[in-house]
Protein backbone atom coordinates (compact mmCIF):
# COMPACT_ATOMS: atom_id res chain seq x y z
CA MET A 1 24.68 -10.09 15.25
CA ASN A 2 25.08 -11.52 11.75
CA HIS A 3 26.09 -9.87 8.50
CA GLU A 4 22.47 -9.14 7.51
CA ASP A 5 21.93 -7.17 10.71
CA TYR A 6 25.00 -5.05 10.05
CA ARG A 7 23.88 -4.45 6.47
CA GLU A 8 20.56 -3.11 7.76
CA TRP A 9 22.55 -0.79 10.00
CA ILE A 10 24.43 0.48 6.92
CA VAL A 11 21.11 1.70 5.48
CA LEU A 12 20.19 3.36 8.78
CA GLN A 13 23.64 4.96 8.96
CA HIS A 14 23.11 6.50 5.51
CA TYR A 15 20.04 8.32 6.83
CA GLY A 16 21.60 9.22 10.19
CA GLU A 17 19.39 6.89 12.22
CA LEU A 18 22.08 5.11 14.28
CA ASP A 19 22.94 6.07 17.84
CA PRO A 20 26.63 6.52 18.83
CA PHE A 21 26.88 3.01 20.26
CA GLN A 22 25.53 1.45 17.02
CA GLU A 23 27.83 3.66 14.95
CA GLU A 24 30.83 2.41 16.90
CA ARG A 25 29.82 -1.24 16.57
CA LEU A 26 29.15 -0.87 12.85
CA GLU A 27 32.48 0.82 12.15
CA GLU A 28 34.26 -1.86 14.16
CA HIS A 29 32.57 -4.58 12.13
CA LEU A 30 33.26 -2.89 8.79
CA SER A 31 36.92 -2.51 9.62
CA GLY A 32 37.26 -6.29 9.73
CA CYS A 33 34.63 -7.44 7.23
CA GLU A 34 35.49 -6.90 3.59
CA SER A 35 32.15 -8.31 2.39
CA CYS A 36 30.02 -5.87 4.39
CA ARG A 37 32.38 -3.02 3.57
CA GLY A 38 31.96 -3.69 -0.16
CA HIS A 39 28.20 -3.98 0.31
CA GLY A 40 28.21 -0.63 2.06
CA GLN A 41 30.10 1.01 -0.80
CA GLU A 42 27.63 -0.37 -3.35
CA LEU A 43 24.70 0.72 -1.22
CA GLU A 44 26.05 4.24 -0.85
CA LEU A 45 26.30 4.44 -4.63
CA VAL A 46 22.73 3.24 -5.15
CA LEU A 47 21.20 5.37 -2.40
CA GLY A 48 23.19 8.34 -3.63
CA MET A 49 21.59 7.99 -7.03
CA VAL A 50 18.12 7.47 -5.53
CA ASP A 51 18.61 10.60 -3.42
CA GLY A 52 20.13 12.35 -6.47
CA ALA A 53 20.40 16.06 -6.87
CA ARG A 54 17.48 18.03 -8.24
CA ILE A 55 17.91 19.67 -11.61
CA GLU A 56 18.02 23.46 -11.27
CA PRO A 57 15.97 25.60 -13.68
CA PRO A 58 17.86 28.08 -15.88
CA ALA A 59 18.85 31.21 -13.97
CA THR A 60 17.28 33.45 -16.63
CA LEU A 61 13.83 31.81 -16.52
CA LEU A 62 12.33 33.86 -13.70
CA GLU A 63 13.95 37.08 -14.94
CA GLU A 64 12.43 36.63 -18.42
CA ALA A 65 9.01 35.89 -16.93
CA ARG A 66 9.12 39.02 -14.79
CA ARG A 67 10.16 41.15 -17.79
CA GLU A 68 7.32 39.83 -19.96
CA LEU A 69 4.83 40.40 -17.15
CA GLY A 70 6.12 43.96 -16.69
CA ASP A 71 5.69 44.63 -20.41
CA LEU A 72 2.09 43.46 -20.25
CA ILE A 73 1.35 45.67 -17.26
CA ARG A 74 2.89 48.75 -18.93
CA GLU A 75 0.97 48.13 -22.16
CA ASP A 76 -2.23 47.83 -20.21
CA SER A 77 -1.65 51.09 -18.34
CA LEU A 78 -0.82 53.02 -21.54
CA GLU A 79 -3.74 51.85 -23.64
CA SER A 80 -7.25 53.18 -23.01
CA SER A 81 -8.79 49.83 -23.88
CA SER A 82 -11.99 48.36 -22.61
CA PHE A 83 -12.24 46.42 -19.39
CA GLN A 84 -12.64 43.29 -21.47
CA ASN A 85 -9.29 43.86 -23.19
CA ARG A 86 -7.55 44.62 -19.90
CA SER A 87 -9.00 41.43 -18.47
CA GLY A 88 -7.46 39.57 -21.38
CA TYR A 89 -4.02 40.99 -20.58
CA TRP A 90 -4.32 39.96 -16.97
CA ALA A 91 -5.45 36.48 -18.00
CA VAL A 92 -2.34 36.16 -20.16
CA ALA A 93 -0.20 37.41 -17.25
CA ALA A 94 -1.78 34.90 -14.88
CA ALA A 95 -1.22 32.10 -17.37
CA LEU A 96 2.42 33.17 -17.71
CA LEU A 97 2.94 33.06 -13.94
CA LEU A 98 1.24 29.69 -13.78
CA GLY A 99 3.55 28.42 -16.49
CA VAL A 100 6.56 29.63 -14.51
CA ALA A 101 5.32 27.88 -11.39
CA VAL A 102 4.69 24.63 -13.26
CA GLY A 103 8.10 24.93 -14.87
CA PHE A 104 9.76 25.15 -11.47
CA LEU A 105 7.86 22.11 -10.30
CA LEU A 106 8.80 20.10 -13.36
CA PHE A 107 12.43 21.12 -13.19
CA GLY A 108 12.44 20.19 -9.51
CA LEU A 109 11.22 16.63 -10.03
CA ARG A 110 13.79 13.92 -9.52
CA GLN A 111 15.07 12.47 -12.75
CA PRO A 112 15.61 8.75 -13.47
CA GLN A 113 19.04 7.64 -12.34
CA SER A 114 21.41 5.24 -14.09
CA LEU A 115 22.46 2.04 -12.34
CA PRO A 116 25.64 0.08 -13.02
CA LEU A 117 24.77 -3.28 -14.52
CA ASP A 118 26.99 -5.16 -12.07
CA LEU A 119 24.68 -4.09 -9.22
CA GLN A 120 21.56 -5.65 -10.72
CA SER A 121 22.14 -9.01 -9.04
CA SER A 122 22.60 -7.36 -5.65
CA TYR A 123 19.57 -5.09 -5.60
CA GLY A 124 17.18 -6.50 -8.18
CA ILE A 125 15.87 -4.82 -11.31
CA ARG A 126 12.27 -5.18 -12.47
CA ASN A 127 9.94 -3.85 -15.17
CA PHE A 128 12.37 -2.97 -17.92
CA ARG A 129 10.69 -0.66 -20.44
CA ILE A 130 11.70 1.67 -23.26
CA GLN A 131 10.90 5.29 -22.49
CA GLU A 132 12.06 6.79 -25.76
CA ALA A 133 12.98 5.33 -29.13
CA ILE A 134 16.37 6.10 -30.65
CA ALA A 135 16.85 9.86 -30.54
CA SER A 136 18.59 12.04 -33.13
CA ASN A 137 21.83 11.80 -31.15
CA GLY A 138 21.72 8.00 -31.30
CA THR A 139 20.73 7.40 -27.66
CA ILE A 140 17.84 5.37 -26.29
CA GLU A 141 16.29 5.61 -22.82
CA VAL A 142 15.30 2.47 -20.90
CA LEU A 143 13.58 2.72 -17.52
CA MET A 144 13.56 0.06 -14.81
CA ASP A 145 12.45 -0.27 -11.20
CA LEU A 146 14.93 -0.85 -8.39
CA VAL A 147 13.79 -3.47 -5.88
CA GLN A 148 15.34 -3.12 -2.44
CA PRO A 149 14.23 -5.78 0.09
CA LEU A 150 13.06 -4.58 3.49
CA ARG A 151 12.95 -6.85 6.55
CA LEU A 152 10.82 -6.26 9.64
CA GLN A 153 11.20 -8.12 12.91
CA GLY A 154 8.91 -7.91 15.92
CA GLU A 155 6.21 -9.57 17.98
CA PRO A 156 2.94 -10.51 16.24
CA GLY A 157 1.21 -7.80 18.26
CA ASP A 158 3.53 -5.09 16.92
CA PRO A 159 1.42 -2.71 14.74
CA ARG A 160 4.15 -2.64 12.08
CA ILE A 161 4.22 -6.44 11.90
CA GLN A 162 0.43 -6.58 11.75
CA GLU A 163 0.40 -4.07 8.91
CA ALA A 164 2.88 -6.24 7.02
CA LEU A 165 0.79 -9.36 7.71
CA THR A 166 -2.33 -7.71 6.32
CA GLY A 167 -0.26 -6.85 3.25
CA VAL A 168 0.55 -10.55 2.86
CA LEU A 169 -3.14 -11.42 3.22
CA ARG A 170 -4.21 -8.97 0.57
CA THR A 171 -1.42 -9.28 -2.00
CA SER A 172 0.64 -12.45 -1.68
CA PRO A 173 0.04 -14.87 -4.60
CA ASN A 174 1.10 -17.79 -2.38
CA PRO A 175 -1.78 -19.30 -0.35
CA GLY A 176 0.73 -20.87 2.05
CA GLU A 177 2.07 -17.41 2.87
CA ARG A 178 -1.46 -16.13 3.40
CA ILE A 179 -2.21 -19.00 5.80
CA ARG A 180 1.01 -18.30 7.71
CA ALA A 181 -0.11 -14.69 8.02
CA THR A 182 -3.37 -15.85 9.65
CA LEU A 183 -1.42 -18.07 12.05
CA ALA A 184 0.73 -15.12 13.08
CA LEU A 185 -2.32 -12.93 13.61
CA GLU A 186 -3.94 -15.69 15.65
CA SER A 187 -0.90 -15.85 17.93
CA ALA A 188 -1.20 -12.09 18.53
CA GLY A 189 -4.77 -12.53 19.77
CA GLU A 190 -7.93 -10.74 18.72
CA GLY A 191 -7.41 -8.11 21.39
CA ALA A 192 -4.29 -6.90 19.60
CA TRP A 193 -5.97 -6.38 16.23
CA ASN A 194 -6.80 -2.93 14.98
CA GLU A 195 -9.58 -2.10 12.51
CA ALA A 196 -7.25 -2.53 9.52
CA VAL A 197 -6.44 -6.11 10.56
CA ARG A 198 -10.08 -7.07 10.94
CA ALA A 199 -10.92 -5.39 7.62
CA ALA A 200 -8.17 -7.42 5.90
CA LEU A 201 -9.48 -10.65 7.45
CA ILE A 202 -13.03 -9.86 6.34
CA HIS A 203 -11.79 -9.08 2.83
CA SER A 204 -9.97 -12.43 2.71
CA LEU A 205 -13.01 -14.30 4.03
CA LYS A 206 -15.17 -12.93 1.23
CA SER A 207 -12.74 -12.90 -1.67
CA ASP A 208 -9.69 -15.14 -1.17
CA PRO A 209 -9.70 -17.75 -3.98
CA ASN A 210 -8.25 -20.47 -1.73
CA ILE A 211 -10.73 -22.39 0.44
CA GLY A 212 -8.01 -23.23 2.97
CA VAL A 213 -7.28 -19.55 3.54
CA ARG A 214 -10.98 -18.68 3.82
CA ARG A 215 -11.51 -21.48 6.33
CA ARG A 216 -8.57 -20.31 8.45
CA VAL A 217 -9.83 -16.74 8.39
CA LEU A 218 -13.34 -17.80 9.37
CA GLY A 219 -11.85 -19.66 12.31
CA LEU A 220 -10.17 -16.46 13.44
CA LEU A 221 -13.32 -14.37 13.06
CA GLN A 222 -15.88 -16.72 14.58
CA GLU A 223 -15.37 -15.36 18.10
CA SER A 224 -16.20 -11.89 16.73
CA ALA A 225 -19.39 -13.00 14.99
CA HIS A 226 -21.41 -10.66 17.22
CA GLN A 227 -19.62 -7.63 15.70
CA PRO A 228 -21.72 -6.00 12.94
CA ASP A 229 -19.01 -6.07 10.26
CA VAL A 230 -18.12 -9.71 10.97
CA GLN A 231 -21.79 -10.68 11.17
CA ARG A 232 -22.39 -9.18 7.74
CA ALA A 233 -19.34 -10.96 6.30
CA LEU A 234 -20.54 -14.33 7.63
CA VAL A 235 -23.98 -13.76 6.14
CA GLU A 236 -22.29 -12.93 2.81
CA VAL A 237 -20.53 -16.31 3.05
CA LEU A 238 -23.92 -17.98 3.52
CA LEU A 239 -25.23 -16.13 0.50
CA SER A 240 -22.45 -16.64 -2.00
CA ASP A 241 -19.67 -19.03 -0.99
CA ALA A 242 -19.68 -22.16 -3.14
CA ASN A 243 -18.18 -24.40 -0.44
CA PRO A 244 -20.88 -26.03 1.75
CA GLY A 245 -18.38 -26.72 4.54
CA LEU A 246 -17.59 -23.02 4.83
CA ARG A 247 -21.29 -22.14 4.82
CA VAL A 248 -21.84 -24.65 7.64
CA ALA A 249 -19.02 -23.03 9.62
CA ALA A 250 -20.49 -19.56 8.98
CA ILE A 251 -24.01 -20.38 10.23
CA THR A 252 -22.57 -22.28 13.18
CA ALA A 253 -20.54 -19.23 14.18
CA LEU A 254 -23.58 -16.98 13.84
CA ALA A 255 -25.84 -19.33 15.81
CA ARG A 256 -23.29 -19.57 18.64
CA VAL A 257 -23.51 -15.84 19.41
CA VAL A 258 -27.09 -15.17 18.34
CA ASP A 259 -27.97 -13.85 21.81
CA ARG A 260 -25.31 -11.15 21.41
CA THR A 261 -25.92 -10.46 17.73
CA PRO A 262 -27.16 -7.01 16.72
CA GLN A 263 -30.16 -6.52 14.48
CA LEU A 264 -29.59 -7.67 10.93
CA ASP A 265 -30.11 -5.22 8.11
CA ALA A 266 -33.52 -5.90 6.57
CA GLU A 267 -32.21 -5.98 3.00
CA LEU A 268 -29.48 -8.48 3.89
CA ALA A 269 -31.93 -10.58 5.91
CA GLU A 270 -34.32 -10.71 2.95
CA ARG A 271 -31.53 -11.84 0.65
CA LEU A 272 -30.60 -14.58 3.11
CA TYR A 273 -34.24 -15.67 3.43
CA GLN A 274 -34.55 -15.97 -0.36
CA ARG A 275 -31.28 -17.87 -0.58
CA VAL A 276 -32.27 -20.32 2.15
CA GLN A 277 -35.41 -21.33 0.24
CA HIS A 278 -33.17 -22.94 -2.39
CA GLU A 279 -30.48 -24.31 -0.03
CA LYS A 280 -29.90 -28.03 -0.66
CA ASN A 281 -28.00 -28.66 2.57
CA ASP A 282 -30.59 -29.44 5.26
CA PHE A 283 -28.38 -28.32 8.16
CA ILE A 284 -27.62 -24.95 6.59
CA ARG A 285 -31.25 -24.40 5.65
CA LEU A 286 -32.65 -25.23 9.10
CA GLN A 287 -29.96 -23.35 11.02
CA SER A 288 -30.32 -20.30 8.79
CA LYS A 289 -34.08 -20.20 9.28
CA ALA A 290 -33.64 -20.47 13.05
CA TYR A 291 -31.04 -17.70 12.95
CA LEU A 292 -33.37 -15.41 10.98
CA GLN A 293 -36.14 -15.98 13.49
CA GLU A 294 -33.84 -15.04 16.38
CA VAL A 295 -32.46 -11.87 14.75
CA ARG A 296 -35.08 -9.17 14.41
CA PHE A 297 -34.95 -7.05 11.26
CA GLN A 298 -34.27 -3.33 11.38
């Protein structure tokens, strides 16, 4: 094991997730590694602040609320007022109780924690922003987000890894990273994909700005062209993608499995028919017309 592995164990130890054998190995390593020991001390400080204590509401708050509610009830019982007036008292009482409940919730929320500046380089600080201007006591409040890296390791078929890969597909600004995510999903095999993986691939096929990523995704999905959601996505490519090469690949994939393709939604088929009338690429136009003839409308 390397230092990074032991540092991951330090986080797990903080939350009581290590077994006795791992505890023993970690303590043995920390006893001889000053770097990891110092990292552990810093991490305990940071996690301690993140897990920080909840602020307790004043002890007199509930007592005062009960007293005021009791006064309202007594006044209501002594006065021979109309039902409308009594309803008003009870409305005030209900509002008072609601305010108490909300107060407890607000007091119970975790408060922003301070972070020593010398830890910024270790854990990463993002999104600095001023929460309050200079107060009467001369203080100012600045908020920031703590970024703590998380590393996952596993086989491409591991559901956790696949979830992370779909996150890369949907959010990474780097097209190279998105292509590597498709390669990893390809190595797992279509049989290992769940619905979320296929949904992420379909989303990328229709909306990824990089043609290389879209082409890679189409290559992954072409064997599933007989599935209704994939079929619809490929037809959407034919309808709207600006790249003729990708449209050729889409109609080729659809034509290959036309004998196993379900009925095409009539509205989508009509849109494709109208689009094909203006298609300049002869191959796409002829193949699309043949495909529409083979697939009966609903």
